[in-house]
Amino acid sequence: MSRLFGEIAQNGYVVRDLDTAIANWVEVLEVGPWFYFEGLSFEDFRYRGEPSEARVDLALANSGDLQIELIQPADDSPSMYRDFLAAGNEGLQHVCYWTTEYQRLYDTALARGYTVGQEGAVGGAQGRFAYLETGFHPGTVVEISDVSGPKRSVFDFIRKTAAEWDGSKPIRRM
C-alpha cells in the first residue's frame, strides 16, 4: 500500500503481440475473460506535454481485485508505450492507482517532483489518467486514473465477470 497513492489497482503490460499475450494469460495462467478494445484512442492525449494521436489495442481482465491491462501500440504516434518497446522492453510497464480525487492526487504528485510522461482521458473528464515517470527502471511508471465517472462501472463489470468466469469465451471484443 502506497501512503501517497493507495492500493495498486492495475498492472499494465506493454506487449508486441496482444493476441499472443492474451493466449498466454488464458492458457498458462487461466486468467480471463479478456475485454478487447481495438484501435482505442484517447481524448486530449499528450505525450511529454505535446498533443499525440496515439492509438492502442488494449485488453483488460482481472485476477481477483487486481486488473491486468495488456497494451499494444496500434500506430507510430509518440507514446510511452512505443518508447518502452523501442528500448527493447516488453512486459510490466506501469502500476496504476485508481482515485475519485484525481486532481488532488495529480497536484500532490507534481508537488512531490513526479513528472508527467503522458496523459489523457477515456470517457470524458471523469476518466482522466496520467503516467508519472519515476526514472527507476522499466515497469515502475506510476499511472493515476480517475474512476469517479463511468470508467469505474466498466472496471467493476470486468472484475465481476472474471469472478464468475467458467473458462468459456475467453476473448470478448468490444
Protein backbone atom coordinates (compact mmCIF):
# COMPACT_ATOMS: atom_id res chain seq x y z
CA MET A 1 0.00 0.00 0.00
CA SER A 2 1.44 3.34 -1.06
CA ARG A 3 0.96 6.09 1.52
CA LEU A 4 0.72 8.56 -1.37
CA PHE A 5 -1.31 6.67 -3.99
CA GLY A 6 -3.18 3.93 -2.08
CA GLU A 7 -3.58 0.35 -3.33
CA ILE A 8 -2.29 -0.83 -6.69
CA ALA A 9 -5.45 -1.50 -8.72
CA GLN A 10 -3.90 -2.49 -12.04
CA ASN A 11 -0.71 -3.83 -13.58
CA GLY A 12 -0.12 -2.59 -17.13
CA TYR A 13 1.92 -4.70 -19.55
CA VAL A 14 3.09 -3.34 -22.90
CA VAL A 15 3.43 -6.12 -25.46
CA ARG A 16 4.45 -6.54 -29.09
CA ASP A 17 1.70 -9.05 -29.91
CA LEU A 18 -1.56 -8.64 -27.99
CA ASP A 19 -3.12 -11.89 -29.24
CA THR A 20 -0.12 -13.93 -28.12
CA ALA A 21 -0.08 -12.18 -24.74
CA ILE A 22 -3.79 -12.86 -24.19
CA ALA A 23 -3.35 -16.51 -25.18
CA ASN A 24 -0.56 -16.87 -22.61
CA TRP A 25 -2.66 -15.40 -19.82
CA VAL A 26 -5.62 -17.62 -20.76
CA GLU A 27 -3.80 -20.89 -21.47
CA VAL A 28 -0.97 -20.77 -18.93
CA LEU A 29 -2.44 -18.76 -16.05
CA GLU A 30 -6.16 -19.33 -16.80
CA VAL A 31 -6.92 -15.63 -16.28
CA GLY A 32 -9.88 -14.20 -18.15
CA PRO A 33 -12.11 -13.35 -19.77
CA TRP A 34 -10.37 -10.56 -21.69
CA PHE A 35 -12.26 -7.49 -22.86
CA TYR A 36 -10.52 -6.47 -26.10
CA PHE A 37 -10.60 -2.89 -27.40
CA GLU A 38 -9.12 -2.45 -30.88
CA GLY A 39 -7.81 0.90 -32.13
CA LEU A 40 -8.64 2.74 -28.90
CA SER A 41 -7.83 6.45 -29.00
CA PHE A 42 -7.73 8.85 -26.08
CA GLU A 43 -9.22 12.27 -25.51
CA ASP A 44 -6.80 15.19 -25.07
CA PHE A 45 -3.82 12.82 -25.19
CA ARG A 46 -0.47 14.49 -24.57
CA TYR A 47 2.93 12.87 -24.70
CA ARG A 48 5.64 14.82 -22.86
CA GLY A 49 3.37 17.87 -22.99
CA GLU A 50 2.69 17.73 -26.74
CA PRO A 51 -0.52 16.52 -28.43
CA SER A 52 -0.32 12.98 -29.85
CA GLU A 53 -2.88 10.91 -31.74
CA ALA A 54 -1.66 7.61 -30.24
CA ARG A 55 -3.95 4.63 -30.63
CA VAL A 56 -3.64 1.26 -28.91
CA ASP A 57 -5.10 -2.20 -28.95
CA LEU A 58 -5.88 -2.98 -25.34
CA ALA A 59 -7.26 -5.89 -23.32
CA LEU A 60 -8.46 -5.94 -19.72
CA ALA A 61 -9.10 -8.83 -17.33
CA ASN A 62 -9.00 -9.34 -13.59
CA SER A 63 -7.23 -11.73 -11.27
CA GLY A 64 -9.18 -11.17 -8.07
CA ASP A 65 -9.26 -7.46 -7.38
CA LEU A 66 -6.14 -6.78 -9.49
CA GLN A 67 -6.88 -5.66 -13.02
CA ILE A 68 -4.45 -6.77 -15.72
CA GLU A 69 -4.07 -4.46 -18.72
CA LEU A 70 -2.31 -5.55 -21.92
CA ILE A 71 -1.39 -2.75 -24.35
CA GLN A 72 -0.03 -2.91 -27.89
CA PRO A 73 0.61 0.35 -29.78
CA ALA A 74 -1.61 0.46 -32.88
CA ASP A 75 0.26 3.23 -34.71
CA ASP A 76 3.55 5.12 -34.77
CA SER A 77 2.35 8.16 -32.82
CA PRO A 78 4.51 9.14 -29.86
CA SER A 79 3.67 7.47 -26.55
CA MET A 80 5.41 5.97 -23.55
CA TYR A 81 4.21 2.56 -24.83
CA ARG A 82 6.24 2.97 -28.03
CA ASP A 83 9.23 4.23 -26.03
CA PHE A 84 9.06 1.15 -23.79
CA LEU A 85 9.12 -1.25 -26.73
CA ALA A 86 11.77 0.78 -28.63
CA ALA A 87 14.07 0.48 -25.60
CA GLY A 88 13.92 -3.31 -26.02
CA ASN A 89 11.44 -3.87 -23.20
CA GLU A 90 8.26 -5.90 -23.11
CA GLY A 91 6.16 -6.71 -20.06
CA LEU A 92 5.23 -4.76 -16.96
CA GLN A 93 5.41 -1.06 -17.83
CA HIS A 94 3.30 0.55 -15.11
CA VAL A 95 1.31 0.11 -11.96
CA CYS A 96 -1.95 2.02 -11.70
CA TYR A 97 -3.75 3.57 -8.78
CA TRP A 98 -7.44 4.42 -9.10
CA THR A 99 -8.82 7.50 -7.43
CA THR A 100 -12.01 9.51 -7.08
CA GLU A 101 -9.88 12.52 -6.07
CA TYR A 102 -7.87 12.75 -9.27
CA GLN A 103 -6.94 16.44 -9.29
CA ARG A 104 -5.80 16.40 -5.66
CA LEU A 105 -3.63 13.33 -6.27
CA TYR A 106 -2.28 14.75 -9.55
CA ASP A 107 -1.33 18.06 -7.89
CA THR A 108 0.25 16.28 -4.91
CA ALA A 109 2.35 14.03 -7.16
CA LEU A 110 3.62 17.00 -9.17
CA ALA A 111 4.40 18.93 -5.98
CA ARG A 112 6.49 15.94 -4.82
CA GLY A 113 8.58 16.00 -8.00
CA TYR A 114 6.89 13.47 -10.26
CA THR A 115 6.79 14.43 -13.94
CA VAL A 116 4.04 13.59 -16.41
CA GLY A 117 5.16 11.42 -19.31
CA GLN A 118 1.74 11.18 -20.92
CA GLU A 119 -1.84 11.95 -20.01
CA GLY A 120 -5.32 11.99 -21.46
CA ALA A 121 -8.83 10.76 -20.80
CA VAL A 122 -11.21 7.95 -21.65
CA GLY A 123 -14.91 8.71 -21.42
CA GLY A 124 -14.66 12.39 -20.54
CA ALA A 125 -13.22 14.50 -17.75
CA GLN A 126 -14.04 11.88 -15.10
CA GLY A 127 -11.89 9.38 -17.00
CA ARG A 128 -8.59 11.27 -16.87
CA PHE A 129 -5.30 9.46 -16.45
CA ALA A 130 -1.64 10.42 -16.13
CA TYR A 131 1.54 8.36 -16.36
CA LEU A 132 4.09 9.66 -13.89
CA GLU A 133 7.73 8.92 -14.57
CA THR A 134 9.86 7.56 -11.78
CA GLY A 135 13.12 7.07 -13.70
CA PHE A 136 13.96 4.00 -11.64
CA HIS A 137 13.71 1.08 -14.09
CA PRO A 138 11.25 -0.31 -16.65
CA GLY A 139 7.99 -1.33 -15.01
CA THR A 140 7.96 1.41 -12.39
CA VAL A 141 5.94 4.05 -14.20
CA VAL A 142 3.04 5.15 -11.98
CA GLU A 143 -0.37 5.71 -13.55
CA ILE A 144 -3.13 7.50 -11.71
CA SER A 145 -6.61 7.03 -13.12
CA ASP A 146 -9.80 8.89 -12.30
CA VAL A 147 -12.58 6.38 -11.64
CA SER A 148 -15.20 8.86 -10.42
CA GLY A 149 -17.11 8.54 -13.72
CA PRO A 150 -18.38 5.71 -15.95
CA LYS A 151 -14.95 4.04 -16.19
CA ARG A 152 -15.49 2.65 -12.67
CA SER A 153 -18.67 0.86 -13.77
CA VAL A 154 -16.80 -0.79 -16.65
CA PHE A 155 -13.98 -1.87 -14.32
CA ASP A 156 -16.48 -3.24 -11.77
CA PHE A 157 -18.22 -5.21 -14.55
CA ILE A 158 -14.89 -6.71 -15.71
CA ARG A 159 -14.00 -7.73 -12.13
CA LYS A 160 -17.43 -9.30 -11.56
CA THR A 161 -17.31 -11.15 -14.88
CA ALA A 162 -13.85 -12.54 -14.05
CA ALA A 163 -15.05 -13.77 -10.65
CA GLU A 164 -17.86 -15.71 -12.36
CA TRP A 165 -15.89 -16.86 -15.42
CA ASP A 166 -16.24 -20.54 -16.29
CA GLY A 167 -13.46 -20.56 -18.90
CA SER A 168 -15.74 -20.10 -21.90
CA LYS A 169 -15.45 -17.26 -24.40
CA PRO A 170 -12.03 -16.07 -23.17
CA ILE A 171 -11.92 -13.03 -25.50
CA ARG A 172 -14.76 -10.52 -25.73
CA ARG A 173 -14.26 -7.93 -28.45
CA MET A 174 -15.71 -4.56 -27.61
